[in-house]
Amino acid sequence: MRHATLFACSTAHLPVAERRHIDHLITTAPRGADGRVEVGHPDLVIEPYAYGFFVHTCVVACGGEAPDISPEFWAILRAAFDRDASWVLFDRDEPAWSQLPTFADANQPEDTSHDQHLLDATLLAQARGAGIL
C-alpha cells in the first residue's frame, strides 16, 4: 500500500471558461466497457466527482512547458505536486482560500444548499449532545 496526498481546492480558483470546458468534457465523455467515465483532455488526467473533479499532478512530473491551461490552474497543480500530492480535488463546495485568486461565475448563483445541510447537521448534533433529541 502506498500513501498519497490529496489537495482540496475550490473550483472558484479556476477561470470560469476553464471550469466550463472541463464540465463540458465530463458531461460529454463516453463510458468505457467498465462503466468508467473517460474524460478526454489532451494533457490532463481528469476524474469526475459529484461536486467537481479530480486532476492528477502527473503532468507536472513530466517536466517541460505547462500544458494549454491557465496560469492559475498550472500554479495549483505545481504547488500540489511540489508538496507530494498526487491529486487535486476541485470541489465547488470547498471554501475559497484567500491566498488564491477567485473567479466568480456571473451566470451561476451561489449554491448554499450544501452550507445549509452542514448547518442542519451541526444543529442536530448539538441538540443530541444537549439531550434535546
Protein backbone atom coordinates (compact mmCIF):
# COMPACT_ATOMS: atom_id res chain seq x y z
CA MET A 1 0.00 0.00 0.00
CA ARG A 2 1.24 3.50 -0.68
CA HIS A 3 0.41 6.83 0.86
CA ALA A 4 -0.98 9.53 -1.43
CA THR A 5 -1.66 13.15 -0.62
CA LEU A 6 -4.74 14.94 -1.93
CA PHE A 7 -5.21 18.69 -2.15
CA ALA A 8 -8.78 20.02 -1.98
CA CYS A 9 -9.37 23.31 -3.77
CA SER A 10 -12.44 25.34 -4.63
CA THR A 11 -13.43 25.35 -8.29
CA ALA A 12 -13.75 29.13 -7.83
CA HIS A 13 -9.95 29.30 -8.15
CA LEU A 14 -10.15 28.30 -11.82
CA PRO A 15 -11.19 30.78 -14.52
CA VAL A 16 -14.85 30.35 -15.46
CA ALA A 17 -14.17 29.37 -19.09
CA GLU A 18 -11.78 26.66 -17.91
CA ARG A 19 -14.31 25.27 -15.39
CA ARG A 20 -17.00 25.22 -18.05
CA HIS A 21 -14.67 23.49 -20.52
CA ILE A 22 -13.84 20.72 -18.04
CA ASP A 23 -17.51 20.36 -17.06
CA HIS A 24 -18.33 20.01 -20.77
CA LEU A 25 -15.63 17.38 -21.24
CA ILE A 26 -17.07 15.43 -18.31
CA THR A 27 -20.71 15.65 -19.41
CA THR A 28 -19.91 14.59 -22.97
CA ALA A 29 -17.34 11.93 -22.08
CA PRO A 30 -18.03 8.36 -23.17
CA ARG A 31 -18.13 5.48 -20.73
CA GLY A 32 -15.67 2.64 -21.05
CA ALA A 33 -16.65 -1.02 -21.03
CA ASP A 34 -16.25 -0.97 -17.24
CA GLY A 35 -18.69 1.97 -16.94
CA ARG A 36 -15.98 4.46 -16.00
CA VAL A 37 -16.26 7.95 -17.49
CA GLU A 38 -13.29 8.55 -19.83
CA VAL A 39 -12.66 12.29 -19.81
CA GLY A 40 -10.77 13.23 -22.96
CA HIS A 41 -8.42 16.08 -22.10
CA PRO A 42 -5.27 16.20 -24.26
CA ASP A 43 -2.92 16.97 -21.35
CA LEU A 44 -4.63 16.23 -18.04
CA VAL A 45 -5.87 13.14 -16.24
CA ILE A 46 -9.35 14.14 -15.01
CA GLU A 47 -11.75 12.06 -12.95
CA PRO A 48 -15.33 13.28 -12.41
CA TYR A 49 -16.68 13.85 -8.91
CA ALA A 50 -20.22 14.70 -7.78
CA TYR A 51 -19.27 18.27 -6.83
CA GLY A 52 -16.41 18.88 -9.25
CA PHE A 53 -13.48 16.81 -10.46
CA PHE A 54 -10.05 15.40 -9.61
CA VAL A 55 -6.93 16.26 -11.62
CA HIS A 56 -3.76 14.18 -11.35
CA THR A 57 -0.49 16.09 -10.89
CA CYS A 58 1.49 13.76 -13.19
CA VAL A 59 1.53 16.45 -15.90
CA VAL A 60 3.87 18.47 -13.66
CA ALA A 61 6.16 15.47 -13.18
CA CYS A 62 6.61 15.18 -16.94
CA GLY A 63 8.62 18.41 -16.91
CA GLY A 64 8.77 20.71 -19.86
CA GLU A 65 6.36 23.52 -20.52
CA ALA A 66 2.98 23.92 -18.91
CA PRO A 67 0.13 22.41 -20.91
CA ASP A 68 -2.56 24.55 -22.51
CA ILE A 69 -4.22 25.55 -19.24
CA SER A 70 -4.45 28.84 -17.38
CA PRO A 71 -1.51 30.06 -15.29
CA GLU A 72 -3.77 29.82 -12.21
CA PHE A 73 -4.60 26.17 -12.91
CA TRP A 74 -0.93 25.36 -13.55
CA ALA A 75 0.14 27.10 -10.32
CA ILE A 76 -2.30 24.99 -8.28
CA LEU A 77 -1.14 21.75 -9.90
CA ARG A 78 2.52 22.72 -9.43
CA ALA A 79 2.01 23.68 -5.77
CA ALA A 80 0.26 20.37 -5.11
CA PHE A 81 2.98 18.38 -6.91
CA ASP A 82 5.74 20.23 -5.04
CA ARG A 83 4.09 19.10 -1.79
CA ASP A 84 3.92 15.45 -2.94
CA ALA A 85 0.21 15.48 -3.76
CA SER A 86 -0.89 13.02 -6.43
CA TRP A 87 -4.33 14.55 -6.97
CA VAL A 88 -6.09 17.89 -6.64
CA LEU A 89 -9.80 17.76 -5.92
CA PHE A 90 -11.54 20.80 -7.40
CA ASP A 91 -14.76 20.93 -5.38
CA ARG A 92 -17.44 23.59 -5.82
CA ASP A 93 -18.39 23.22 -2.14
CA GLU A 94 -14.83 23.74 -0.90
CA PRO A 95 -14.37 27.22 0.60
CA ALA A 96 -12.17 29.57 -1.37
CA TRP A 97 -8.69 30.17 0.02
CA SER A 98 -7.72 33.82 0.49
CA GLN A 99 -4.21 33.17 -0.88
CA LEU A 100 -5.51 32.33 -4.37
CA PRO A 101 -7.46 34.42 -6.88
CA THR A 102 -11.13 33.57 -7.37
CA PHE A 103 -13.26 33.82 -10.48
CA ALA A 104 -16.98 34.33 -9.91
CA ASP A 105 -19.39 32.96 -12.49
CA ALA A 106 -21.99 35.66 -13.07
CA ASN A 107 -24.33 33.11 -14.69
CA GLN A 108 -24.37 30.80 -11.68
CA PRO A 109 -25.97 31.90 -8.42
CA GLU A 110 -24.13 30.79 -5.32
CA ASP A 111 -25.43 27.44 -4.14
CA THR A 112 -25.86 27.49 -0.39
CA SER A 113 -27.71 24.17 -0.13
CA HIS A 114 -24.53 22.35 0.92
CA ASP A 115 -23.86 25.02 3.57
CA GLN A 116 -27.44 24.68 4.82
CA HIS A 117 -27.04 20.90 5.02
CA LEU A 118 -23.86 21.32 7.11
CA LEU A 119 -25.62 23.81 9.37
CA ASP A 120 -28.57 21.44 9.81
CA ALA A 121 -26.23 18.56 10.65
CA THR A 122 -24.33 20.71 13.16
CA LEU A 123 -27.52 21.87 14.87
CA LEU A 124 -28.80 18.29 15.01
CA ALA A 125 -25.55 17.09 16.60
CA GLN A 126 -25.67 19.92 19.15
CA ALA A 127 -29.28 19.09 20.01
CA ARG A 128 -28.40 15.42 20.51
CA GLY A 129 -25.39 16.36 22.65
CA ALA A 130 -27.57 18.59 24.81
CA GLY A 131 -30.09 15.79 25.31
CA ILE A 132 -32.81 17.65 23.42
CA LEU A 133 -33.20 14.82 20.89
